Amino acid sequence: IQGGMFHGTALGVDLRFDGHVTAREIARALAVDPGIESTKHAGHLGPIDGSGAEKIQVGEIRVGRGGDGSGQAWIWAVLDNLTVGGALNALALAAPWLGP
């Protein structure tokens, strides 16, 4: 977690892959999740942008190579820690255990 404030949290996620990946491939994979939304203003995304949002807001996606030749990606995202980070996340985690 990079920074937090009441209602908003920003995070940087470092991912490693067996092979090369592109930012477009990662964006497509993230777009499938209904709880994630890409933003158009990736360069200006901060914790306040996540405040009040019901989805994780994904900003910049950078790709490269790890030191061992593996694929590497870095994702910048923000979320509201009371909705996505708290209540909605708790419901999503509990859903498989609660049944239909």
PDB file of N, CA and C in Angstrom:
ATOM      1  N   ILE A   1       0.857  -1.171   0.000  1.00  0.00           N
ATOM      2  CA  ILE A   1       0.000   0.000   0.000  1.00  0.00           C
ATOM      3  C   ILE A   1       0.894   1.221   0.000  1.00  0.00           C
ATOM      4  N   GLN A   2       0.639   2.124  -0.908  1.00  0.00           N
ATOM      5  CA  GLN A   2       1.470   3.308  -1.067  1.00  0.00           C
ATOM      6  C   GLN A   2       1.012   4.476  -0.204  1.00  0.00           C
ATOM      7  N   GLY A   3      -0.250   4.650  -0.073  1.00  0.00           N
ATOM      8  CA  GLY A   3      -0.729   5.781   0.707  1.00  0.00           C
ATOM      9  C   GLY A   3      -2.194   5.627   1.008  1.00  0.00           C
ATOM     10  N   GLY A   4      -2.580   6.081   2.152  1.00  0.00           N
ATOM     11  CA  GLY A   4      -3.978   5.963   2.506  1.00  0.00           C
ATOM     12  C   GLY A   4      -4.482   7.215   3.184  1.00  0.00           C
ATOM     13  N   MET A   5      -5.747   7.405   3.103  1.00  0.00           N
ATOM     14  CA  MET A   5      -6.430   8.469   3.794  1.00  0.00           C
ATOM     15  C   MET A   5      -7.834   7.969   4.026  1.00  0.00           C
ATOM     16  N   PHE A   6      -8.554   8.634   4.870  1.00  0.00           N
ATOM     17  CA  PHE A   6      -9.906   8.162   5.148  1.00  0.00           C
ATOM     18  C   PHE A   6     -10.679   8.034   3.841  1.00  0.00           C
ATOM     19  N   HIS A   7     -11.200   6.909   3.583  1.00  0.00           N
ATOM     20  CA  HIS A   7     -11.978   6.559   2.398  1.00  0.00           C
ATOM     21  C   HIS A   7     -11.142   6.149   1.193  1.00  0.00           C
ATOM     22  N   GLY A   8      -9.899   6.512   1.075  1.00  0.00           N
ATOM     23  CA  GLY A   8      -9.159   6.182  -0.138  1.00  0.00           C
ATOM     24  C   GLY A   8      -7.805   5.573   0.157  1.00  0.00           C
ATOM     25  N   THR A   9      -7.446   4.576  -0.618  1.00  0.00           N
ATOM     26  CA  THR A   9      -6.151   3.928  -0.489  1.00  0.00           C
ATOM     27  C   THR A   9      -5.553   3.747  -1.878  1.00  0.00           C
ATOM     28  N   ALA A  10      -4.264   3.991  -2.010  1.00  0.00           N
ATOM     29  CA  ALA A  10      -3.559   3.771  -3.275  1.00  0.00           C
ATOM     30  C   ALA A  10      -2.583   2.620  -3.086  1.00  0.00           C
ATOM     31  N   LEU A  11      -2.403   1.833  -4.105  1.00  0.00           N
ATOM     32  CA  LEU A  11      -1.464   0.733  -4.009  1.00  0.00           C
ATOM     33  C   LEU A  11      -0.748   0.497  -5.326  1.00  0.00           C
ATOM     34  N   GLY A  12       0.477   0.025  -5.210  1.00  0.00           N
ATOM     35  CA  GLY A  12       1.254  -0.405  -6.355  1.00  0.00           C
ATOM     36  C   GLY A  12       1.411  -1.913  -6.256  1.00  0.00           C
ATOM     37  N   VAL A  13       1.125  -2.623  -7.340  1.00  0.00           N
ATOM     38  CA  VAL A  13       1.179  -4.075  -7.348  1.00  0.00           C
ATOM     39  C   VAL A  13       2.248  -4.516  -8.330  1.00  0.00           C
ATOM     40  N   ASP A  14       3.208  -5.312  -7.862  1.00  0.00           N
ATOM     41  CA  ASP A  14       4.273  -5.846  -8.704  1.00  0.00           C
ATOM     42  C   ASP A  14       3.952  -7.300  -9.004  1.00  0.00           C
ATOM     43  N   LEU A  15       3.782  -7.619 -10.283  1.00  0.00           N
ATOM     44  CA  LEU A  15       3.423  -8.977 -10.690  1.00  0.00           C
ATOM     45  C   LEU A  15       4.556  -9.613 -11.485  1.00  0.00           C
ATOM     46  N   ARG A  16       4.715 -10.906 -11.350  1.00  0.00           N
ATOM     47  CA  ARG A  16       5.719 -11.659 -12.116  1.00  0.00           C
ATOM     48  C   ARG A  16       5.017 -12.757 -12.897  1.00  0.00           C
ATOM     49  N   PHE A  17       5.464 -12.994 -14.137  1.00  0.00           N
ATOM     50  CA  PHE A  17       4.881 -13.996 -15.015  1.00  0.00           C
ATOM     51  C   PHE A  17       5.978 -14.899 -15.566  1.00  0.00           C
ATOM     52  N   ASP A  18       5.602 -16.103 -15.962  1.00  0.00           N
ATOM     53  CA  ASP A  18       6.569 -17.025 -16.557  1.00  0.00           C
ATOM     54  C   ASP A  18       7.111 -16.503 -17.883  1.00  0.00           C
ATOM     55  N   GLY A  19       6.274 -15.845 -18.650  1.00  0.00           N
ATOM     56  CA  GLY A  19       6.679 -15.326 -19.951  1.00  0.00           C
ATOM     57  C   GLY A  19       6.383 -13.847 -20.086  1.00  0.00           C
ATOM     58  N   HIS A  20       6.635 -13.309 -21.279  1.00  0.00           N
ATOM     59  CA  HIS A  20       6.404 -11.889 -21.562  1.00  0.00           C
ATOM     60  C   HIS A  20       4.903 -11.587 -21.600  1.00  0.00           C
ATOM     61  N   VAL A  21       4.510 -10.465 -21.073  1.00  0.00           N
ATOM     62  CA  VAL A  21       3.134  -9.992 -21.126  1.00  0.00           C
ATOM     63  C   VAL A  21       3.136  -8.551 -21.620  1.00  0.00           C
ATOM     64  N   THR A  22       2.012  -8.114 -22.131  1.00  0.00           N
ATOM     65  CA  THR A  22       1.868  -6.724 -22.558  1.00  0.00           C
ATOM     66  C   THR A  22       0.869  -6.021 -21.646  1.00  0.00           C
ATOM     67  N   ALA A  23       0.946  -4.712 -21.610  1.00  0.00           N
ATOM     68  CA  ALA A  23      -0.006  -3.931 -20.814  1.00  0.00           C
ATOM     69  C   ALA A  23      -1.423  -4.158 -21.313  1.00  0.00           C
ATOM     70  N   ARG A  24      -1.580  -4.312 -22.605  1.00  0.00           N
ATOM     71  CA  ARG A  24      -2.916  -4.544 -23.182  1.00  0.00           C
ATOM     72  C   ARG A  24      -3.493  -5.877 -22.701  1.00  0.00           C
ATOM     73  N   GLU A  25      -2.659  -6.922 -22.638  1.00  0.00           N
ATOM     74  CA  GLU A  25      -3.125  -8.231 -22.155  1.00  0.00           C
ATOM     75  C   GLU A  25      -3.567  -8.146 -20.701  1.00  0.00           C
ATOM     76  N   ILE A  26      -2.808  -7.440 -19.903  1.00  0.00           N
ATOM     77  CA  ILE A  26      -3.164  -7.288 -18.491  1.00  0.00           C
ATOM     78  C   ILE A  26      -4.453  -6.489 -18.350  1.00  0.00           C
ATOM     79  N   ALA A  27      -4.580  -5.416 -19.109  1.00  0.00           N
ATOM     80  CA  ALA A  27      -5.791  -4.592 -19.059  1.00  0.00           C
ATOM     81  C   ALA A  27      -7.016  -5.408 -19.463  1.00  0.00           C
ATOM     82  N   ARG A  28      -6.881  -6.246 -20.490  1.00  0.00           N
ATOM     83  CA  ARG A  28      -8.005  -7.098 -20.908  1.00  0.00           C
ATOM     84  C   ARG A  28      -8.388  -8.088 -19.817  1.00  0.00           C
ATOM     85  N   ALA A  29      -7.378  -8.684 -19.166  1.00  0.00           N
ATOM     86  CA  ALA A  29      -7.649  -9.640 -18.097  1.00  0.00           C
ATOM     87  C   ALA A  29      -8.345  -8.955 -16.919  1.00  0.00           C
ATOM     88  N   LEU A  30      -7.912  -7.754 -16.573  1.00  0.00           N
ATOM     89  CA  LEU A  30      -8.534  -7.022 -15.472  1.00  0.00           C
ATOM     90  C   LEU A  30      -9.955  -6.575 -15.812  1.00  0.00           C
ATOM     91  N   ALA A  31     -10.211  -6.280 -17.088  1.00  0.00           N
ATOM     92  CA  ALA A  31     -11.520  -5.800 -17.516  1.00  0.00           C
ATOM     93  C   ALA A  31     -12.619  -6.839 -17.322  1.00  0.00           C
ATOM     94  N   VAL A  32     -12.256  -8.101 -17.236  1.00  0.00           N
ATOM     95  CA  VAL A  32     -13.233  -9.172 -17.045  1.00  0.00           C
ATOM     96  C   VAL A  32     -13.835  -9.129 -15.640  1.00  0.00           C
ATOM     97  N   ASP A  33     -13.072  -8.637 -14.683  1.00  0.00           N
ATOM     98  CA  ASP A  33     -13.537  -8.592 -13.294  1.00  0.00           C
ATOM     99  C   ASP A  33     -14.510  -7.428 -13.111  1.00  0.00           C
ATOM    100  N   PRO A  34     -15.743  -7.699 -12.658  1.00  0.00           N
ATOM    101  CA  PRO A  34     -16.722  -6.616 -12.497  1.00  0.00           C
ATOM    102  C   PRO A  34     -16.369  -5.623 -11.384  1.00  0.00           C
ATOM    103  N   GLY A  35     -15.417  -5.965 -10.533  1.00  0.00           N
ATOM    104  CA  GLY A  35     -15.036  -5.075  -9.450  1.00  0.00           C
ATOM    105  C   GLY A  35     -13.862  -4.172  -9.775  1.00  0.00           C
ATOM    106  N   ILE A  36     -13.394  -4.226 -11.038  1.00  0.00           N
ATOM    107  CA  ILE A  36     -12.236  -3.432 -11.454  1.00  0.00           C
ATOM    108  C   ILE A  36     -12.621  -2.552 -12.631  1.00  0.00           C
ATOM    109  N   GLU A  37     -12.133  -1.321 -12.615  1.00  0.00           N
ATOM    110  CA  GLU A  37     -12.420  -0.365 -13.687  1.00  0.00           C
ATOM    111  C   GLU A  37     -11.134   0.376 -14.065  1.00  0.00           C
ATOM    112  N   SER A  38     -10.850   0.442 -15.363  1.00  0.00           N
ATOM    113  CA  SER A  38      -9.689   1.208 -15.831  1.00  0.00           C
ATOM    114  C   SER A  38     -10.056   2.677 -15.901  1.00  0.00           C
ATOM    115  N   THR A  39      -9.097   3.541 -15.622  1.00  0.00           N
ATOM    116  CA  THR A  39      -9.341   4.972 -15.687  1.00  0.00           C
ATOM    117  C   THR A  39      -8.660   5.570 -16.902  1.00  0.00           C
ATOM    118  N   LYS A  40      -9.187   6.663 -17.371  1.00  0.00           N
ATOM    119  CA  LYS A  40      -8.627   7.352 -18.528  1.00  0.00           C
ATOM    120  C   LYS A  40      -7.497   8.285 -18.139  1.00  0.00           C
ATOM    121  N   HIS A  41      -7.446   8.690 -16.881  1.00  0.00           N
ATOM    122  CA  HIS A  41      -6.445   9.652 -16.411  1.00  0.00           C
ATOM    123  C   HIS A  41      -5.446   8.956 -15.494  1.00  0.00           C
ATOM    124  N   ALA A  42      -4.770   7.957 -16.038  1.00  0.00           N
ATOM    125  CA  ALA A  42      -3.877   7.117 -15.236  1.00  0.00           C
ATOM    126  C   ALA A  42      -2.750   7.903 -14.569  1.00  0.00           C
ATOM    127  N   GLY A  43      -2.277   8.951 -15.198  1.00  0.00           N
ATOM    128  CA  GLY A  43      -1.162   9.702 -14.648  1.00  0.00           C
ATOM    129  C   GLY A  43      -1.509  10.570 -13.457  1.00  0.00           C
ATOM    130  N   HIS A  44      -2.790  10.772 -13.213  1.00  0.00           N
ATOM    131  CA  HIS A  44      -3.210  11.672 -12.128  1.00  0.00           C
ATOM    132  C   HIS A  44      -4.116  10.968 -11.134  1.00  0.00           C
ATOM    133  N   LEU A  45      -3.912   9.687 -10.928  1.00  0.00           N
ATOM    134  CA  LEU A  45      -4.778   8.887 -10.070  1.00  0.00           C
ATOM    135  C   LEU A  45      -4.220   8.852  -8.651  1.00  0.00           C
ATOM    136  N   GLY A  46      -5.033   9.253  -7.680  1.00  0.00           N
ATOM    137  CA  GLY A  46      -4.603   9.266  -6.287  1.00  0.00           C
ATOM    138  C   GLY A  46      -5.683   8.725  -5.376  1.00  0.00           C
ATOM    139  N   PRO A  47      -5.394   8.598  -4.086  1.00  0.00           N
ATOM    140  CA  PRO A  47      -6.360   8.030  -3.143  1.00  0.00           C
ATOM    141  C   PRO A  47      -7.721   8.726  -3.148  1.00  0.00           C
ATOM    142  N   ILE A  48      -7.738  10.018  -3.359  1.00  0.00           N
ATOM    143  CA  ILE A  48      -9.019  10.732  -3.377  1.00  0.00           C
ATOM    144  C   ILE A  48      -9.883  10.267  -4.541  1.00  0.00           C
ATOM    145  N   ASP A  49      -9.258   9.847  -5.658  1.00  0.00           N
ATOM    146  CA  ASP A  49     -10.020   9.338  -6.803  1.00  0.00           C
ATOM    147  C   ASP A  49     -10.743   8.037  -6.462  1.00  0.00           C
ATOM    148  N   GLY A  50     -10.225   7.295  -5.506  1.00  0.00           N
ATOM    149  CA  GLY A  50     -10.873   6.054  -5.088  1.00  0.00           C
ATOM    150  C   GLY A  50     -12.000   6.274  -4.112  1.00  0.00           C
ATOM    151  N   SER A  51     -12.030   7.414  -3.461  1.00  0.00           N
ATOM    152  CA  SER A  51     -13.045   7.704  -2.466  1.00  0.00           C
ATOM    153  C   SER A  51     -14.442   7.716  -3.085  1.00  0.00           C
ATOM    154  N   GLY A  52     -15.315   6.904  -2.533  1.00  0.00           N
ATOM    155  CA  GLY A  52     -16.692   6.844  -3.019  1.00  0.00           C
ATOM    156  C   GLY A  52     -16.903   5.909  -4.193  1.00  0.00           C
ATOM    157  N   ALA A  53     -15.841   5.363  -4.750  1.00  0.00           N
ATOM    158  CA  ALA A  53     -15.967   4.447  -5.891  1.00  0.00           C
ATOM    159  C   ALA A  53     -16.338   3.057  -5.395  1.00  0.00           C
ATOM    160  N   GLU A  54     -17.158   2.369  -6.156  1.00  0.00           N
ATOM    161  CA  GLU A  54     -17.547   1.015  -5.793  1.00  0.00           C
ATOM    162  C   GLU A  54     -16.671  -0.030  -6.458  1.00  0.00           C
ATOM    163  N   LYS A  55     -15.695   0.416  -7.240  1.00  0.00           N
ATOM    164  CA  LYS A  55     -14.785  -0.500  -7.916  1.00  0.00           C
ATOM    165  C   LYS A  55     -13.351  -0.067  -7.660  1.00  0.00           C
ATOM    166  N   ILE A  56     -12.435  -0.998  -7.846  1.00  0.00           N
ATOM    167  CA  ILE A  56     -11.021  -0.664  -7.806  1.00  0.00           C
ATOM    168  C   ILE A  56     -10.706   0.090  -9.084  1.00  0.00           C
ATOM    169  N   GLN A  57     -10.093   1.252  -8.964  1.00  0.00           N
ATOM    170  CA  GLN A  57      -9.747   2.083 -10.117  1.00  0.00           C
ATOM    171  C   GLN A  57      -8.294   1.787 -10.513  1.00  0.00           C
ATOM    172  N   VAL A  58      -8.093   1.196 -11.685  1.00  0.00           N
ATOM    173  CA  VAL A  58      -6.746   0.852 -12.147  1.00  0.00           C
ATOM    174  C   VAL A  58      -6.249   1.960 -13.052  1.00  0.00           C
ATOM    175  N   GLY A  59      -5.063   2.439 -12.741  1.00  0.00           N
ATOM    176  CA  GLY A  59      -4.443   3.492 -13.536  1.00  0.00           C
ATOM    177  C   GLY A  59      -3.365   2.928 -14.443  1.00  0.00           C
ATOM    178  N   GLU A  60      -2.165   3.336 -14.187  1.00  0.00           N
ATOM    179  CA  GLU A  60      -1.033   2.976 -15.030  1.00  0.00           C
ATOM    180  C   GLU A  60      -0.661   1.499 -14.895  1.00  0.00           C
ATOM    181  N   ILE A  61      -0.325   0.898 -16.045  1.00  0.00           N
ATOM    182  CA  ILE A  61       0.203  -0.462 -16.091  1.00  0.00           C
ATOM    183  C   ILE A  61       1.523  -0.392 -16.850  1.00  0.00           C
ATOM    184  N   ARG A  62       2.603  -0.776 -16.184  1.00  0.00           N
ATOM    185  CA  ARG A  62       3.930  -0.812 -16.824  1.00  0.00           C
ATOM    186  C   ARG A  62       4.391  -2.255 -16.925  1.00  0.00           C
ATOM    187  N   VAL A  63       4.992  -2.622 -18.042  1.00  0.00           N
ATOM    188  CA  VAL A  63       5.517  -3.977 -18.196  1.00  0.00           C
ATOM    189  C   VAL A  63       7.009  -3.929 -18.483  1.00  0.00           C
ATOM    190  N   GLY A  64       7.681  -5.016 -18.175  1.00  0.00           N
ATOM    191  CA  GLY A  64       9.114  -5.123 -18.408  1.00  0.00           C
ATOM    192  C   GLY A  64       9.558  -6.550 -18.217  1.00  0.00           C
ATOM    193  N   ARG A  65      10.838  -6.714 -17.980  1.00  0.00           N
ATOM    194  CA  ARG A  65      11.414  -8.037 -17.744  1.00  0.00           C
ATOM    195  C   ARG A  65      12.047  -8.065 -16.362  1.00  0.00           C
ATOM    196  N   GLY A  66      11.815  -9.164 -15.642  1.00  0.00           N
ATOM    197  CA  GLY A  66      12.468  -9.355 -14.358  1.00  0.00           C
ATOM    198  C   GLY A  66      13.932  -9.716 -14.587  1.00  0.00           C
ATOM    199  N   GLY A  67      14.728  -9.661 -13.554  1.00  0.00           N
ATOM    200  CA  GLY A  67      16.144  -9.981 -13.652  1.00  0.00           C
ATOM    201  C   GLY A  67      16.412 -11.391 -14.137  1.00  0.00           C
ATOM    202  N   ASP A  68      15.468 -12.302 -13.923  1.00  0.00           N
ATOM    203  CA  ASP A  68      15.639 -13.681 -14.364  1.00  0.00           C
ATOM    204  C   ASP A  68      15.024 -13.929 -15.741  1.00  0.00           C
ATOM    205  N   GLY A  69      14.616 -12.873 -16.443  1.00  0.00           N
ATOM    206  CA  GLY A  69      14.026 -13.007 -17.776  1.00  0.00           C
ATOM    207  C   GLY A  69      12.528 -13.214 -17.766  1.00  0.00           C
ATOM    208  N   SER A  70      11.939 -13.300 -16.587  1.00  0.00           N
ATOM    209  CA  SER A  70      10.495 -13.487 -16.495  1.00  0.00           C
ATOM    210  C   SER A  70       9.778 -12.196 -16.869  1.00  0.00           C
ATOM    211  N   GLY A  71       8.490 -12.316 -17.171  1.00  0.00           N
ATOM    212  CA  GLY A  71       7.687 -11.132 -17.424  1.00  0.00           C
ATOM    213  C   GLY A  71       7.375 -10.440 -16.109  1.00  0.00           C
ATOM    214  N   GLN A  72       7.325  -9.135 -16.146  1.00  0.00           N
ATOM    215  CA  GLN A  72       7.048  -8.361 -14.943  1.00  0.00           C
ATOM    216  C   GLN A  72       6.080  -7.245 -15.300  1.00  0.00           C
ATOM    217  N   ALA A  73       5.174  -6.949 -14.392  1.00  0.00           N
ATOM    218  CA  ALA A  73       4.246  -5.838 -14.588  1.00  0.00           C
ATOM    219  C   ALA A  73       4.050  -5.110 -13.267  1.00  0.00           C
ATOM    220  N   TRP A  74       3.815  -3.825 -13.373  1.00  0.00           N
ATOM    221  CA  TRP A  74       3.544  -2.990 -12.215  1.00  0.00           C
ATOM    222  C   TRP A  74       2.224  -2.278 -12.479  1.00  0.00           C
ATOM    223  N   ILE A  75       1.321  -2.373 -11.531  1.00  0.00           N
ATOM    224  CA  ILE A  75      -0.010  -1.778 -11.681  1.00  0.00           C
ATOM    225  C   ILE A  75      -0.233  -0.783 -10.555  1.00  0.00           C
ATOM    226  N   TRP A  76      -0.730   0.394 -10.898  1.00  0.00           N
ATOM    227  CA  TRP A  76      -1.103   1.424  -9.926  1.00  0.00           C
ATOM    228  C   TRP A  76      -2.620   1.437  -9.839  1.00  0.00           C
ATOM    229  N   ALA A  77      -3.164   1.374  -8.614  1.00  0.00           N
ATOM    230  CA  ALA A  77      -4.610   1.359  -8.442  1.00  0.00           C
ATOM    231  C   ALA A  77      -4.995   2.102  -7.167  1.00  0.00           C
ATOM    232  N   VAL A  78      -6.252   2.522  -7.101  1.00  0.00           N
ATOM    233  CA  VAL A  78      -6.807   3.148  -5.913  1.00  0.00           C
ATOM    234  C   VAL A  78      -8.164   2.515  -5.626  1.00  0.00           C
ATOM    235  N   LEU A  79      -8.570   2.584  -4.350  1.00  0.00           N
ATOM    236  CA  LEU A  79      -9.867   2.048  -3.982  1.00  0.00           C
ATOM    237  C   LEU A  79     -10.390   2.754  -2.749  1.00  0.00           C
ATOM    238  N   ASP A  80     -11.681   2.658  -2.569  1.00  0.00           N
ATOM    239  CA  ASP A  80     -12.315   3.194  -1.363  1.00  0.00           C
ATOM    240  C   ASP A  80     -12.235   2.109  -0.310  1.00  0.00           C
ATOM    241  N   ASN A  81     -11.538   2.364   0.772  1.00  0.00           N
ATOM    242  CA  ASN A  81     -11.329   1.327   1.772  1.00  0.00           C
ATOM    243  C   ASN A  81     -12.557   1.050   2.633  1.00  0.00           C
ATOM    244  N   LEU A  82     -13.628   1.803   2.469  1.00  0.00           N
ATOM    245  CA  LEU A  82     -14.868   1.514   3.196  1.00  0.00           C
ATOM    246  C   LEU A  82     -15.833   0.698   2.354  1.00  0.00           C
ATOM    247  N   THR A  83     -15.784   0.846   1.043  1.00  0.00           N
ATOM    248  CA  THR A  83     -16.683   0.068   0.180  1.00  0.00           C
ATOM    249  C   THR A  83     -15.930  -1.152  -0.352  1.00  0.00           C
ATOM    250  N   VAL A  84     -15.047  -0.936  -1.300  1.00  0.00           N
ATOM    251  CA  VAL A  84     -14.308  -2.043  -1.909  1.00  0.00           C
ATOM    252  C   VAL A  84     -13.404  -2.714  -0.888  1.00  0.00           C
ATOM    253  N   GLY A  85     -12.698  -1.936  -0.116  1.00  0.00           N
ATOM    254  CA  GLY A  85     -11.752  -2.501   0.837  1.00  0.00           C
ATOM    255  C   GLY A  85     -12.393  -3.064   2.080  1.00  0.00           C
ATOM    256  N   GLY A  86     -13.613  -2.688   2.338  1.00  0.00           N
ATOM    257  CA  GLY A  86     -14.252  -3.141   3.561  1.00  0.00           C
ATOM    258  C   GLY A  86     -15.491  -3.968   3.297  1.00  0.00           C
ATOM    259  N   ALA A  87     -16.609  -3.297   3.210  1.00  0.00           N
ATOM    260  CA  ALA A  87     -17.895  -3.981   3.152  1.00  0.00           C
ATOM    261  C   ALA A  87     -18.056  -4.880   1.922  1.00  0.00           C
ATOM    262  N   LEU A  88     -17.832  -4.355   0.736  1.00  0.00           N
ATOM    263  CA  LEU A  88     -18.020  -5.164  -0.469  1.00  0.00           C
ATOM    264  C   LEU A  88     -17.028  -6.308  -0.534  1.00  0.00           C
ATOM    265  N   ASN A  89     -15.800  -6.074  -0.113  1.00  0.00           N
ATOM    266  CA  ASN A  89     -14.804  -7.144  -0.104  1.00  0.00           C
ATOM    267  C   ASN A  89     -15.203  -8.239   0.881  1.00  0.00           C
ATOM    268  N   ALA A  90     -15.694  -7.866   2.037  1.00  0.00           N
ATOM    269  CA  ALA A  90     -16.125  -8.859   3.024  1.00  0.00           C
ATOM    270  C   ALA A  90     -17.266  -9.715   2.470  1.00  0.00           C
ATOM    271  N   LEU A  91     -18.208  -9.086   1.787  1.00  0.00           N
ATOM    272  CA  LEU A  91     -19.317  -9.835   1.178  1.00  0.00           C
ATOM    273  C   LEU A  91     -18.827 -10.782   0.087  1.00  0.00           C
ATOM    274  N   ALA A  92     -17.901 -10.302  -0.740  1.00  0.00           N
ATOM    275  CA  ALA A  92     -17.360 -11.131  -1.824  1.00  0.00           C
ATOM    276  C   ALA A  92     -16.620 -12.339  -1.258  1.00  0.00           C
ATOM    277  N   LEU A  93     -15.887 -12.148  -0.179  1.00  0.00           N
ATOM    278  CA  LEU A  93     -15.174 -13.274   0.432  1.00  0.00           C
ATOM    279  C   LEU A  93     -16.123 -14.246   1.113  1.00  0.00           C
ATOM    280  N   ALA A  94     -17.205 -13.753   1.670  1.00  0.00           N
ATOM    281  CA  ALA A  94     -18.143 -14.605   2.386  1.00  0.00           C
ATOM    282  C   ALA A  94     -19.121 -15.331   1.467  1.00  0.00           C
ATOM    283  N   ALA A  95     -19.366 -14.819   0.286  1.00  0.00           N
ATOM    284  CA  ALA A  95     -20.384 -15.373  -0.618  1.00  0.00           C
ATOM    285  C   ALA A  95     -20.249 -16.874  -0.851  1.00  0.00           C
ATOM    286  N   PRO A  96     -19.065 -17.404  -1.149  1.00  0.00           N
ATOM    287  CA  PRO A  96     -18.975 -18.857  -1.374  1.00  0.00           C
ATOM    288  C   PRO A  96     -19.360 -19.687  -0.144  1.00  0.00           C
ATOM    289  N   TRP A  97     -19.192 -19.126   1.023  1.00  0.00           N
ATOM    290  CA  TRP A  97     -19.486 -19.865   2.256  1.00  0.00           C
ATOM    291  C   TRP A  97     -20.953 -19.731   2.652  1.00  0.00           C
ATOM    292  N   LEU A  98     -21.603 -18.674   2.214  1.00  0.00           N
ATOM    293  CA  LEU A  98     -22.990 -18.447   2.612  1.00  0.00           C
ATOM    294  C   LEU A  98     -23.985 -19.180   1.725  1.00  0.00           C
ATOM    295  N   GLY A  99     -23.573 -19.520   0.502  1.00  0.00           N
ATOM    296  CA  GLY A  99     -24.462 -20.219  -0.410  1.00  0.00           C
ATOM    297  C   GLY A  99     -25.403 -19.267  -1.130  1.00  0.00           C
ATOM    298  N   PRO A 100     -26.331 -19.851  -1.917  1.00  0.00           N
ATOM    299  CA  PRO A 100     -27.258 -19.017  -2.724  1.00  0.00           C
ATOM    300  C   PRO A 100     -28.263 -18.256  -1.897  1.00  0.00           C
TER     301      PRO A 100
END
